[in-house]
Amino acid sequence: MKGKGDKNTGLPKAYLYNTGKKEWAQFAQWSVPSAIRQKLYLSADGKLPMAQPSSASAMSFISDPLKPVPYTNDNTTTVGFTPRNYMSEDQRFAGRRTDVLVFQSDVLQDDVTLGGEIMAHLKVATTGTDADWFVKLIDVYPDDEPNHPYLPNKNILMANYQQMVRSEIMPGRFRNSFEKPEAFVPNQKTNVNVKLQDVLHTFKKGHRIMIQVQSTAFPLFARNPQKFVENPYKATDADYTKATHTVYNDSYVEVEVLK
């Protein structure tokens, strides 16, 4: 994309923007060989420990496809293909809902830079026979974070702002294969892996790391009827049913930490 294309441009192997520090970084190799893989467990007390909880537990929520979680709180942008605010929007609007699970670290005592792949290894169950799983990685700002004069919306408060860093959805029917969709067995613990996009983001000292888990992000993603049907796009009104979804505390999000 730059220069003659003769491999003599002098550009690094990877030239990435750190969305936490708001600065460019160069890497001779990506992913970074020295990165340390770290697991962040989804504890049933809403915390995000780096060690697996000692006893088994879980958190549950009721998902109603007739009252889905909106993907944005800014209704004026939902008609656009790439809404301006969506990719870093404050996620407090979602975290206040009862159909969104929230897991949060303690206040960070040092900067933490995530650089590389992110994989959510969910251990879940549902009372239905189908479900989608939407995972978000969020940077929570401190409660004394000042507002910035260049904010386009003067009503935004940066104190405790929940900046979405990465997000991805996995339709549960495709958890094992995109060619052969499978129903869930009701109330049976099941593995669902959700691969989020690569990241380069520094969570600064005084911030927190948050994970949110939900099943809907409407209308960005079509609603799952939560009853397994051959083609969910042809589901009837009767197919859309409430279901209780459970996330077990041996679920974790694996990240790569740069030192």
Protein backbone atom coordinates (compact mmCIF):
# COMPACT_ATOMS: atom_id res chain seq x y z
CA MET A 1 0.00 0.00 0.00
CA LYS A 2 3.03 2.29 0.31
CA GLY A 3 6.18 2.59 -1.80
CA LYS A 4 7.10 0.46 -4.81
CA GLY A 5 6.07 -2.85 -3.33
CA ASP A 6 9.57 -4.21 -3.61
CA LYS A 7 9.83 -5.06 0.12
CA ASN A 8 12.30 -2.22 0.61
CA THR A 9 9.95 0.37 2.08
CA GLY A 10 11.51 0.11 5.54
CA LEU A 11 8.09 -0.44 7.11
CA PRO A 12 7.85 -2.87 10.06
CA LYS A 13 6.05 -6.18 9.87
CA ALA A 14 3.18 -4.70 11.89
CA TYR A 15 2.33 -1.04 12.39
CA LEU A 16 -0.53 -0.83 14.87
CA TYR A 17 -2.41 1.88 16.73
CA ASN A 18 -2.65 1.41 20.50
CA THR A 19 -6.24 2.44 21.24
CA GLY A 20 -5.52 2.88 24.95
CA LYS A 21 -2.39 4.99 24.74
CA LYS A 22 -3.57 6.58 21.48
CA GLU A 23 -0.23 6.18 19.78
CA TRP A 24 1.29 4.10 17.00
CA ALA A 25 3.56 1.12 17.73
CA GLN A 26 5.86 -0.94 15.52
CA PHE A 27 6.41 -4.70 15.77
CA ALA A 28 8.92 -6.89 13.96
CA GLN A 29 6.52 -9.82 14.33
CA TRP A 30 2.80 -10.24 15.00
CA SER A 31 1.61 -11.82 17.14
CA VAL A 32 4.42 -10.91 19.51
CA PRO A 33 6.43 -14.05 20.46
CA SER A 34 7.12 -12.75 23.98
CA ALA A 35 3.44 -12.13 24.74
CA ILE A 36 2.19 -13.88 27.87
CA ARG A 37 -1.09 -15.74 27.59
CA GLN A 38 -3.41 -14.90 30.49
CA LYS A 39 -6.83 -16.25 31.41
CA LEU A 40 -9.49 -13.92 32.84
CA TYR A 41 -12.15 -16.01 34.56
CA LEU A 42 -15.83 -15.06 34.59
CA SER A 43 -16.45 -15.42 38.31
CA ALA A 44 -20.02 -15.78 39.58
CA ASP A 45 -19.50 -12.83 41.93
CA GLY A 46 -19.00 -10.51 38.95
CA LYS A 47 -15.24 -10.31 39.34
CA LEU A 48 -12.60 -11.09 36.70
CA PRO A 49 -9.83 -13.03 38.47
CA MET A 50 -6.76 -14.43 36.75
CA ALA A 51 -7.06 -17.73 38.64
CA GLN A 52 -9.92 -20.19 38.27
CA PRO A 53 -12.41 -19.92 41.16
CA SER A 54 -11.96 -22.71 43.70
CA SER A 55 -15.59 -23.83 43.69
CA ALA A 56 -18.08 -24.29 40.89
CA SER A 57 -20.77 -21.66 40.44
CA ALA A 58 -22.60 -19.78 37.70
CA MET A 59 -24.54 -16.68 36.73
CA SER A 60 -27.80 -16.73 34.76
CA PHE A 61 -30.02 -14.29 32.92
CA ILE A 62 -33.34 -14.41 31.10
CA SER A 63 -33.09 -13.64 27.39
CA ASP A 64 -36.27 -12.47 25.69
CA PRO A 65 -35.95 -12.07 21.90
CA LEU A 66 -39.00 -9.80 21.97
CA LYS A 67 -37.06 -7.39 24.22
CA PRO A 68 -33.50 -7.67 22.87
CA VAL A 69 -30.48 -5.75 24.11
CA PRO A 70 -29.88 -2.87 21.67
CA TYR A 71 -26.38 -2.70 20.23
CA THR A 72 -26.29 1.07 20.78
CA ASN A 73 -27.81 3.66 23.04
CA ASP A 74 -27.70 6.25 20.26
CA ASN A 75 -30.90 5.65 18.33
CA THR A 76 -30.10 8.41 15.85
CA THR A 77 -27.27 6.36 14.33
CA THR A 78 -28.98 3.00 13.88
CA VAL A 79 -29.83 3.76 10.25
CA GLY A 80 -26.16 4.06 9.27
CA PHE A 81 -24.04 1.18 8.02
CA THR A 82 -21.12 2.10 10.29
CA PRO A 83 -22.49 4.25 13.10
CA ARG A 84 -19.94 6.81 14.24
CA ASN A 85 -20.15 6.08 17.95
CA TYR A 86 -20.68 2.32 18.01
CA MET A 87 -17.11 1.01 18.05
CA SER A 88 -16.10 2.84 21.25
CA GLU A 89 -19.52 3.66 22.70
CA ASP A 90 -20.11 3.84 26.45
CA GLN A 91 -21.49 0.42 27.43
CA ARG A 92 -23.10 1.49 30.69
CA PHE A 93 -26.49 1.37 28.99
CA ALA A 94 -26.05 -2.38 28.45
CA GLY A 95 -24.45 -3.19 31.80
CA ARG A 96 -27.49 -1.84 33.63
CA ARG A 97 -29.75 -4.44 32.02
CA THR A 98 -30.67 -7.70 33.74
CA ASP A 99 -30.02 -9.67 30.51
CA VAL A 100 -26.35 -8.65 30.36
CA LEU A 101 -23.73 -10.29 32.60
CA VAL A 102 -20.91 -8.04 33.81
CA PHE A 103 -17.48 -9.17 35.03
CA GLN A 104 -14.94 -6.59 36.19
CA SER A 105 -11.36 -6.61 37.45
CA ASP A 106 -10.08 -4.72 40.45
CA VAL A 107 -8.58 -1.30 39.84
CA LEU A 108 -5.33 -1.82 37.91
CA GLN A 109 -2.20 -0.90 39.84
CA ASP A 110 -0.10 -0.74 36.65
CA ASP A 111 -0.68 -0.34 32.93
CA VAL A 112 -1.78 -3.59 31.22
CA THR A 113 -1.27 -3.87 27.47
CA LEU A 114 -3.17 -6.52 25.55
CA GLY A 115 -1.64 -7.26 22.16
CA GLY A 116 -2.74 -10.15 20.00
CA GLU A 117 -5.57 -12.65 19.91
CA ILE A 118 -8.57 -12.76 22.24
CA MET A 119 -10.58 -15.95 22.67
CA ALA A 120 -13.56 -16.32 24.98
CA HIS A 121 -13.95 -19.92 26.17
CA LEU A 122 -17.52 -19.98 27.44
CA LYS A 123 -19.07 -22.85 29.40
CA VAL A 124 -22.79 -22.28 29.09
CA ALA A 125 -26.24 -23.80 29.25
CA THR A 126 -29.68 -22.73 28.14
CA THR A 127 -33.23 -23.83 28.83
CA GLY A 128 -33.91 -23.40 25.10
CA THR A 129 -32.46 -25.22 22.12
CA ASP A 130 -30.62 -22.33 20.46
CA ALA A 131 -28.82 -19.18 21.63
CA ASP A 132 -26.33 -16.59 20.47
CA TRP A 133 -23.40 -15.45 22.63
CA PHE A 134 -22.08 -11.89 22.36
CA VAL A 135 -18.87 -11.02 24.24
CA LYS A 136 -17.44 -7.52 24.77
CA LEU A 137 -14.03 -6.44 26.10
CA ILE A 138 -14.38 -3.05 27.82
CA ASP A 139 -12.02 -0.45 29.30
CA VAL A 140 -13.60 1.11 32.41
CA TYR A 141 -12.28 4.60 33.16
CA PRO A 142 -11.72 5.78 36.76
CA ASP A 143 -14.42 7.72 38.59
CA ASP A 144 -12.29 10.87 38.57
CA GLU A 145 -11.62 10.87 34.81
CA PRO A 146 -12.08 14.45 33.55
CA ASN A 147 -14.13 15.32 30.50
CA HIS A 148 -12.29 16.41 27.37
CA PRO A 149 -13.03 19.69 25.61
CA TYR A 150 -13.15 18.01 22.18
CA LEU A 151 -15.95 15.56 23.04
CA PRO A 152 -18.58 15.84 20.26
CA ASN A 153 -21.39 15.16 22.74
CA LYS A 154 -21.17 17.43 25.77
CA ASN A 155 -23.56 15.13 27.67
CA ILE A 156 -20.95 12.35 27.79
CA LEU A 157 -19.33 11.81 31.18
CA MET A 158 -15.88 10.22 31.05
CA ALA A 159 -15.98 9.34 34.75
CA ASN A 160 -16.57 5.54 34.85
CA TYR A 161 -16.93 5.53 31.05
CA GLN A 162 -17.11 1.97 29.71
CA GLN A 163 -15.26 2.08 26.38
CA MET A 164 -15.89 -0.93 24.17
CA VAL A 165 -12.52 -2.18 22.94
CA ARG A 166 -13.52 -5.36 21.10
CA SER A 167 -16.70 -7.39 20.61
CA GLU A 168 -17.90 -10.42 18.68
CA ILE A 169 -20.90 -12.72 18.43
CA MET A 170 -21.05 -16.49 18.01
CA PRO A 171 -24.36 -18.02 16.93
CA GLY A 172 -24.54 -21.04 19.20
CA ARG A 173 -25.80 -23.32 16.44
CA PHE A 174 -22.40 -22.95 14.74
CA ARG A 175 -20.30 -23.59 17.86
CA ASN A 176 -18.84 -26.81 16.43
CA SER A 177 -19.21 -26.29 12.69
CA PHE A 178 -20.39 -23.61 10.30
CA GLU A 179 -21.48 -26.34 7.87
CA LYS A 180 -23.52 -28.42 10.32
CA PRO A 181 -25.62 -26.36 12.76
CA GLU A 182 -26.53 -28.09 16.02
CA ALA A 183 -29.24 -27.53 18.59
CA PHE A 184 -28.43 -27.17 22.27
CA VAL A 185 -29.57 -29.87 24.66
CA PRO A 186 -31.64 -27.95 27.23
CA ASN A 187 -29.84 -27.42 30.57
CA GLN A 188 -26.71 -29.24 29.40
CA LYS A 189 -23.35 -27.56 30.01
CA THR A 190 -21.82 -26.81 26.62
CA ASN A 191 -18.60 -25.26 25.30
CA VAL A 192 -18.93 -22.19 23.10
CA ASN A 193 -15.79 -20.41 21.88
CA VAL A 194 -16.02 -16.81 20.70
CA LYS A 195 -13.00 -15.43 18.83
CA LEU A 196 -12.70 -11.67 19.09
CA GLN A 197 -10.55 -9.60 16.74
CA ASP A 198 -6.88 -8.99 17.51
CA VAL A 199 -6.23 -6.03 19.77
CA LEU A 200 -3.54 -3.57 20.79
CA HIS A 201 -4.89 -1.69 23.77
CA THR A 202 -3.34 -0.45 27.00
CA PHE A 203 -5.62 -0.45 30.03
CA LYS A 204 -4.04 2.33 32.05
CA LYS A 205 -3.27 2.33 35.76
CA GLY A 206 -6.43 3.24 37.67
CA HIS A 207 -8.70 1.71 35.00
CA ARG A 208 -10.50 -1.65 35.13
CA ILE A 209 -10.92 -4.47 32.63
CA MET A 210 -14.52 -5.53 32.05
CA ILE A 211 -16.17 -8.36 30.14
CA GLN A 212 -19.87 -8.23 29.25
CA VAL A 213 -21.76 -11.30 28.02
CA GLN A 214 -25.20 -11.12 26.43
CA SER A 215 -27.25 -12.91 23.78
CA THR A 216 -28.67 -10.09 21.68
CA ALA A 217 -27.35 -6.91 20.05
CA PHE A 218 -30.29 -5.73 17.99
CA PRO A 219 -30.56 -4.72 15.18
CA LEU A 220 -26.83 -5.11 14.46
CA PHE A 221 -27.38 -8.87 14.69
CA ALA A 222 -30.63 -10.63 13.88
CA ARG A 223 -32.53 -12.02 16.85
CA ASN A 224 -32.19 -15.70 17.61
CA PRO A 225 -35.64 -17.26 18.23
CA GLN A 226 -33.97 -19.45 20.92
CA LYS A 227 -35.88 -22.41 19.57
CA PHE A 228 -33.76 -24.38 17.12
CA VAL A 229 -35.25 -24.18 13.64
CA GLU A 230 -33.69 -25.15 10.33
CA ASN A 231 -33.58 -21.56 9.09
CA PRO A 232 -33.87 -18.90 11.82
CA TYR A 233 -34.58 -16.23 9.19
CA LYS A 234 -37.84 -18.06 8.48
CA ALA A 235 -38.82 -18.48 12.14
CA THR A 236 -42.46 -17.88 12.97
CA ASP A 237 -43.74 -15.71 15.81
CA ALA A 238 -44.34 -18.85 17.86
CA ASP A 239 -40.68 -19.83 17.57
CA TYR A 240 -39.47 -16.76 19.50
CA THR A 241 -39.35 -17.83 23.13
CA LYS A 242 -37.79 -16.66 26.38
CA ALA A 243 -34.93 -18.76 27.72
CA THR A 244 -32.67 -18.74 30.75
CA HIS A 245 -29.00 -18.69 29.81
CA THR A 246 -26.27 -19.70 32.27
CA VAL A 247 -22.54 -18.90 32.20
CA TYR A 248 -20.40 -21.10 34.46
CA ASN A 249 -17.45 -19.73 36.39
CA ASP A 250 -14.91 -21.96 34.67
CA SER A 251 -15.52 -19.80 31.60
CA TYR A 252 -12.60 -17.54 30.76
CA VAL A 253 -11.32 -15.05 28.23
CA GLU A 254 -7.75 -15.76 27.10
CA VAL A 255 -5.71 -12.70 26.15
CA GLU A 256 -2.09 -11.95 25.25
CA VAL A 257 -0.30 -9.52 27.56
CA LEU A 258 2.68 -7.51 26.35
CA LYS A 259 5.41 -6.66 28.84
